[in-house]
Protein backbone atom coordinates (compact mmCIF):
# COMPACT_ATOMS: atom_id res chain seq x y z
CA MET A 1 125.33 11.18 139.90
CA PRO A 2 126.97 13.33 137.19
CA TYR A 3 130.59 14.46 137.22
CA THR A 4 131.38 17.09 139.87
CA PRO A 5 134.61 19.10 139.46
CA ILE A 6 136.68 19.74 142.56
CA SER A 7 139.86 21.76 143.08
CA PHE A 8 142.97 20.82 145.03
CA THR A 9 145.42 22.96 146.96
CA ASP A 10 149.07 22.00 147.54
CA GLY A 11 149.86 21.01 151.10
CA ASN A 12 146.27 20.33 152.19
CA ALA A 13 144.99 16.88 153.08
CA LEU A 14 141.89 15.75 151.24
CA SER A 15 138.75 15.83 153.32
CA ALA A 16 136.27 12.98 153.48
CA ALA A 17 133.84 15.04 151.39
CA GLN A 18 136.49 15.56 148.66
CA LEU A 19 137.34 11.85 148.66
CA ASN A 20 133.64 11.01 148.34
CA VAL A 21 133.37 13.32 145.31
CA LEU A 22 136.46 11.67 143.75
CA ALA A 23 134.92 8.21 144.32
CA ALA A 24 131.60 9.31 142.80
CA ASN A 25 133.39 10.82 139.78
CA ASP A 26 135.36 7.60 139.32
CA ALA A 27 132.18 5.51 139.44
CA TYR A 28 130.50 7.86 136.95
CA PHE A 29 133.33 7.64 134.40
CA ALA A 30 133.73 3.89 134.88
CA GLY A 31 130.01 3.48 134.19
CA LEU A 32 130.24 5.48 130.98
CA ALA A 33 133.31 3.58 129.78
CA ALA A 34 131.97 0.13 130.66
CA THR A 35 128.82 0.26 128.52
CA VAL A 36 128.28 -0.09 124.81
CA ASN A 37 126.03 2.35 123.01
CA VAL A 38 123.22 0.42 121.28
CA PRO A 39 124.94 -2.87 120.33
CA PHE A 40 123.49 -3.64 116.92
CA VAL A 41 124.06 -2.85 113.28
CA GLN A 42 120.73 -3.62 111.64
CA ILE A 43 117.21 -4.19 112.93
CA ASP A 44 114.31 -4.96 110.60
CA GLN A 45 110.84 -3.68 111.42
CA ASP A 46 108.52 -5.81 109.27
CA LEU A 47 105.46 -3.83 108.19
CA ARG A 48 103.36 -6.84 107.18
CA THR A 49 101.20 -6.58 110.30
CA THR A 50 98.09 -4.81 111.46
CA LEU A 51 98.08 -1.18 112.60
CA ALA A 52 98.53 -2.35 116.19
CA GLY A 53 101.54 -4.42 115.15
CA ASN A 54 105.27 -4.43 115.59
CA LYS A 55 107.24 -2.29 118.00
CA SER A 56 110.95 -2.59 118.68
CA TYR A 57 112.51 -1.81 122.05
CA TYR A 58 116.11 -0.98 122.96
CA GLN A 59 117.92 0.16 126.10
CA ILE A 60 120.54 2.90 125.97
CA ARG A 61 122.66 4.75 128.48
CA HIS A 62 122.45 8.41 127.49
CA ARG A 63 125.85 9.86 126.58
CA ALA A 64 125.63 12.53 123.89
CA GLN A 65 123.30 15.26 122.65
CA TYR A 66 121.80 13.62 119.54
CA LEU A 67 120.23 10.24 118.89
CA ASN A 68 121.08 9.53 115.23
CA LEU A 69 119.27 6.93 113.17
CA TYR A 70 119.83 5.81 109.60
CA VAL A 71 116.54 4.30 108.40
CA GLN A 72 115.39 2.68 105.18
CA TRP A 73 111.99 1.50 103.99
CA ALA A 74 110.20 0.04 101.00
CA ILE A 75 106.42 0.13 100.77
CA ALA A 76 104.37 -1.07 97.83
CA GLY A 77 100.87 0.22 97.17
CA VAL A 78 100.56 2.64 100.09
CA ASP A 79 101.37 6.32 100.33
CA HIS A 80 101.74 6.77 104.07
CA LEU A 81 104.36 5.64 106.54
CA ALA A 82 104.02 6.66 110.16
CA TRP A 83 106.90 6.05 112.52
CA THR A 84 107.04 6.99 116.13
CA LEU A 85 110.20 7.10 118.19
CA LYS A 86 110.00 7.34 121.97
CA TYR A 87 113.06 8.00 124.09
CA GLY A 88 112.17 7.38 127.71
CA ALA A 89 109.11 9.51 128.46
CA TRP A 90 109.52 11.73 125.37
CA THR A 91 108.01 11.17 121.92
CA LEU A 92 110.67 12.49 119.56
CA ALA A 93 109.14 11.73 116.17
CA SER A 94 105.88 10.94 114.54
CA ASP A 95 106.03 11.46 110.79
CA ASP A 96 103.16 10.84 108.37
CA PRO A 97 102.79 10.93 105.41
CA ILE A 98 106.23 10.03 104.11
CA ALA A 99 108.20 13.27 104.08
CA PHE A 100 111.59 11.91 103.00
CA ALA A 101 113.07 9.64 100.35
CA SER A 102 114.53 6.39 101.67
CA PRO A 103 117.16 5.94 103.07
CA VAL A 104 117.50 8.94 105.39
CA TRP A 105 119.44 10.10 108.45
CA LEU A 106 117.28 11.31 111.33
CA ALA A 107 118.62 13.09 114.41
CA TYR A 108 116.83 13.98 117.62
CA ASP A 109 118.18 16.26 120.34
CA VAL A 110 117.62 14.04 123.38
CA THR A 111 119.47 16.36 125.75
CA ALA A 112 117.07 19.20 124.93
CA ALA A 113 114.20 16.76 125.50
CA GLY A 114 115.43 16.35 129.07
CA ALA A 115 117.63 13.23 129.05
CA VAL A 116 120.31 13.13 131.77
CA VAL A 117 123.83 11.93 130.88
CA GLY A 118 124.52 8.56 132.48
CA ASP A 119 120.86 7.58 132.96
CA TRP A 120 119.34 4.57 131.16
CA TYR A 121 116.42 5.05 128.78
CA GLU A 122 114.18 2.78 126.76
CA ILE A 123 113.84 3.49 123.05
CA GLU A 124 110.63 2.37 121.36
CA ILE A 125 110.27 2.43 117.57
CA ASP A 126 106.94 1.79 115.89
CA ALA A 127 106.41 1.91 112.12
CA ILE A 128 103.10 1.53 110.29
CA ALA A 129 102.37 1.56 106.56
CA HIS A 130 98.88 2.54 105.48
CA ASP A 131 96.91 4.43 102.87
CA ALA A 132 95.30 7.85 103.32
CA ALA A 133 92.25 6.25 104.98
CA HIS A 134 94.54 4.45 107.51
CA ALA A 135 93.72 1.07 106.00
CA TYR A 136 96.50 -1.47 105.58
CA ASP A 137 96.67 -4.17 102.91
CA SER A 138 98.91 -7.00 104.08
CA GLY A 139 99.22 -8.43 100.59
CA TYR A 140 102.59 -6.81 99.91
CA SER A 141 105.44 -9.10 100.85
CA THR A 142 108.21 -6.56 100.27
CA ASP A 143 107.22 -3.93 102.84
CA TYR A 144 109.80 -3.13 105.50
CA PHE A 145 111.13 -0.42 107.77
CA ARG A 146 114.75 -0.90 108.85
CA VAL A 147 116.92 0.84 111.37
CA LEU A 148 120.32 0.41 109.76
CA ARG A 149 122.27 2.40 112.35
CA MET A 150 121.46 3.96 115.70
CA PHE A 151 123.89 5.76 117.98
CA GLU A 152 124.32 8.84 120.13
CA SER A 153 126.74 11.57 119.16
CA ASP A 154 127.39 15.25 119.73
CA THR A 155 126.96 15.66 115.96
CA ASP A 156 123.61 15.90 114.16
CA TYR A 157 123.96 13.63 111.09
CA SER A 158 120.56 14.43 109.54
């Protein structure tokens, strides 16, 4: 349950309903304070797989408006990189061909997508390197897609 403001009046005893709201607010804030927000610094997404290959999954308790990611990649011999980011039920990104130079900050407005503060969501990241015909040559040993940082913030860092 999200935070619910209540007002107090001098000289009046608190009702059971007001005490229940105070208890719910306390539980809400304790839940926000007790969790970490994506507890990792670097995750590698190895691209040396087939098109149906690697996906990475994370759990996050939604706190702020933007999901910010700092990603880096290196791909030899291909001109397309598709990455898909899902946040709960929402697909926030699917970019192909490569539209940015590596490394890059990406930011997605998860609140506008419908995420509710305090709720838990699964994040799924899938990255695929391929050529224009969607064929992948696994002969390149240096291909990678890395999430160097991921966090929620009220600031868009992209």
